[in-house]
Protein backbone atom coordinates (compact mmCIF):
# COMPACT_ATOMS: atom_id res chain seq x y z
CA MET A 1 112.15 96.59 98.46
CA VAL A 2 109.15 98.36 97.32
CA SER A 3 109.55 101.45 95.36
CA TYR A 4 107.91 104.62 96.29
CA ALA A 5 106.11 104.54 93.21
CA GLU A 6 104.34 101.32 93.81
CA VAL A 7 103.37 102.74 97.45
CA ALA A 8 101.98 105.72 96.08
CA GLN A 9 100.05 103.58 93.32
CA LEU A 10 98.63 101.59 96.26
CA VAL A 11 97.47 104.63 98.47
CA GLU A 12 96.09 106.15 95.36
CA HIS A 13 93.67 103.26 95.26
CA VAL A 14 92.28 103.71 98.70
CA PRO A 15 88.67 104.65 98.54
CA GLU A 16 88.22 108.23 99.95
CA GLU A 17 85.45 106.72 102.40
CA ASP A 18 87.98 104.47 103.81
CA VAL A 19 90.35 107.32 104.91
CA VAL A 20 89.76 108.79 108.17
CA ALA A 21 90.19 112.41 107.99
CA GLY A 22 93.92 113.00 109.45
CA SER A 23 94.82 109.41 109.05
CA SER A 24 97.75 108.15 107.41
CA PRO A 25 96.90 105.42 105.01
CA ALA A 26 100.40 105.54 103.54
CA LEU A 27 101.62 104.66 107.03
CA GLY A 28 99.56 101.44 107.06
CA THR A 29 100.42 100.36 103.45
CA ASN A 30 104.09 100.94 104.09
CA LYS A 31 103.92 98.80 106.90
CA GLU A 32 102.08 96.08 105.38
CA LEU A 33 104.38 96.15 102.22
CA LYS A 34 107.28 95.41 104.61
CA GLY A 35 105.50 92.85 106.26
CA LEU A 36 105.66 94.28 109.88
CA SER A 37 102.98 94.09 112.54
CA GLN A 38 102.11 97.50 114.44
CA GLU A 39 104.09 95.79 117.58
CA LYS A 40 107.15 94.98 115.27
CA LEU A 41 107.07 98.57 113.78
CA ALA A 42 106.60 100.08 117.04
CA ARG A 43 109.77 98.31 118.50
CA LEU A 44 111.87 98.87 115.37
CA ALA A 45 110.98 102.80 115.40
CA ASP A 46 111.10 102.79 119.42
CA VAL A 47 107.68 104.24 119.68
CA ALA A 48 104.75 103.45 121.56
CA ASN A 49 102.40 100.96 119.89
CA ASN A 50 99.66 103.21 120.93
CA THR A 51 101.27 106.09 118.99
CA LEU A 52 101.21 104.00 115.82
CA ILE A 53 97.44 103.07 116.32
CA LYS A 54 96.35 106.76 116.80
CA MET A 55 98.36 107.70 113.59
CA GLU A 56 96.91 105.28 111.51
CA SER A 57 93.30 105.81 112.72
CA GLY A 58 93.70 109.38 112.69
CA GLU A 59 93.14 110.14 116.41
CA ASN A 60 96.56 111.67 116.52
CA LYS A 61 96.63 114.33 113.55
CA ASN A 62 99.79 115.99 114.64
CA PRO A 63 102.47 113.40 115.44
CA THR A 64 105.58 114.74 116.33
CA LEU A 65 108.46 115.29 113.77
CA GLU A 66 110.54 113.02 115.81
CA THR A 67 108.14 110.31 115.83
CA LEU A 68 107.52 110.69 112.19
CA LYS A 69 111.16 110.41 111.50
CA LYS A 70 111.69 107.31 113.78
CA VAL A 71 108.81 105.48 111.80
CA ALA A 72 110.22 106.57 108.39
CA LYS A 73 113.53 105.45 109.17
CA ALA A 74 111.99 101.91 110.44
CA LEU A 75 110.09 101.53 107.34
CA GLU A 76 113.16 102.66 105.16
CA VAL A 77 111.19 105.60 103.50
CA SER A 78 110.76 109.25 103.75
CA VAL A 79 108.59 111.29 106.19
CA ASP A 80 106.79 112.68 103.03
CA ASP A 81 106.04 108.97 102.14
CA ILE A 82 104.16 108.43 105.30
CA ILE A 83 102.29 111.63 105.47
CA LYS A 84 100.73 111.54 102.18
């Protein structure tokens, strides 16, 4: 299992120009660290794959708290860890 500090360190190194306003680089980083595809994470979190795509790209800048909780639980992290 990857520590929160390791995830935070990886996210810190994402160049600002690579981050879309409102996107969640931490979501993608956590997903990748867990070795999950978007499809697998969507199934584990019981959310639509399209929802995850929109969250990562920044198209969905305000996902519901319920969606954030489901995704965080599937990744075994806190909601704070995926919205940083």
